Amino acid sequence: MIITGYKYTIEQDAIDAREQCDTYYGIPVSPEDVTQNWCDYETANLDTPIFYYIRFDESLTVVLGEPEIFEVTVPNPF
């Protein structure tokens, strides 16, 4: 699957990117809020080496910069 987004080789880097977006957008407003993160990261655990990524959304550009295009291996549905 071709993804446009932000790719990280270290999970902590993906966590840090998510936290940067949360801080920029003021999420969560309170600990009881349903929305706890502006975005989240996913794990490409079928790829070698494993990597982490955040799917692109226009709102992320101001915080994370321009996205890249990369491939993620997904399970065969058949």
Protein backbone atom coordinates (compact mmCIF):
# COMPACT_ATOMS: atom_id res chain seq x y z
CA MET A 1 0.00 0.00 0.00
CA ILE A 2 1.34 3.44 -0.89
CA ILE A 3 1.10 5.92 2.00
CA THR A 4 1.62 9.65 2.11
CA GLY A 5 2.76 10.62 5.58
CA TYR A 6 5.62 10.76 8.03
CA LYS A 7 7.89 7.77 8.57
CA TYR A 8 9.95 7.03 11.70
CA THR A 9 12.44 4.25 12.35
CA ILE A 10 12.27 4.71 16.13
CA GLU A 11 8.94 4.47 17.94
CA GLN A 12 9.85 7.29 20.32
CA ASP A 13 10.24 9.62 17.33
CA ALA A 14 6.66 8.82 16.26
CA ILE A 15 5.46 9.41 19.82
CA ASP A 16 7.32 12.73 19.93
CA ALA A 17 5.77 13.81 16.60
CA ARG A 18 2.30 12.94 17.90
CA GLU A 19 2.96 14.95 21.07
CA GLN A 20 4.17 17.94 19.02
CA CYS A 21 0.85 17.92 17.16
CA ASP A 22 -1.09 17.57 20.43
CA THR A 23 0.75 20.54 21.91
CA TYR A 24 0.28 22.68 18.80
CA TYR A 25 -3.47 22.00 18.68
CA GLY A 26 -4.02 22.04 22.45
CA ILE A 27 -5.20 18.43 22.69
CA PRO A 28 -6.43 17.24 25.13
CA VAL A 29 -8.06 20.27 26.71
CA SER A 30 -8.68 18.21 29.83
CA PRO A 31 -7.85 14.62 30.87
CA GLU A 32 -11.54 13.70 30.61
CA ASP A 33 -11.81 14.68 26.93
CA VAL A 34 -12.71 11.96 24.46
CA THR A 35 -10.06 13.24 22.03
CA GLN A 36 -6.66 12.60 23.58
CA ASN A 37 -4.48 12.97 20.46
CA TRP A 38 -4.64 15.10 17.30
CA CYS A 39 -3.19 12.22 15.30
CA ASP A 40 -1.81 8.77 16.00
CA TYR A 41 0.92 6.62 14.59
CA GLU A 42 0.77 3.13 13.15
CA THR A 43 3.31 0.32 13.04
CA ALA A 44 4.45 -1.27 9.78
CA ASN A 45 5.23 -4.58 11.47
CA LEU A 46 5.19 -6.66 8.27
CA ASP A 47 8.07 -4.63 6.85
CA THR A 48 11.74 -5.26 7.54
CA PRO A 49 12.93 -3.32 9.33
CA ILE A 50 9.76 -2.41 11.23
CA PHE A 51 8.92 1.29 11.12
CA TYR A 52 6.28 3.66 12.43
CA TYR A 53 4.26 6.20 10.50
CA ILE A 54 1.63 8.89 10.72
CA ARG A 55 -0.78 9.22 7.80
CA PHE A 56 -0.82 12.63 6.17
CA ASP A 57 -3.45 15.23 6.87
CA GLU A 58 -3.19 18.89 5.82
CA SER A 59 -3.35 19.94 9.47
CA LEU A 60 -0.03 18.18 10.17
CA THR A 61 2.05 20.15 7.66
CA VAL A 62 2.37 23.17 9.94
CA VAL A 63 3.87 20.97 12.67
CA LEU A 64 5.61 18.08 10.87
CA GLY A 65 6.46 19.68 7.53
CA GLU A 66 5.99 18.18 4.10
CA PRO A 67 5.07 14.48 4.00
CA GLU A 68 6.81 11.75 2.05
CA ILE A 69 5.46 8.88 -0.01
CA PHE A 70 6.40 5.34 1.01
CA GLU A 71 5.16 1.79 0.85
CA VAL A 72 3.71 -0.25 3.73
CA THR A 73 3.22 -4.01 3.51
CA VAL A 74 -0.33 -5.01 4.48
CA PRO A 75 -1.72 -8.51 5.04
CA ASN A 76 -3.22 -10.25 2.03
CA PRO A 77 -7.02 -10.27 2.61
CA PHE A 78 -7.43 -13.63 0.83
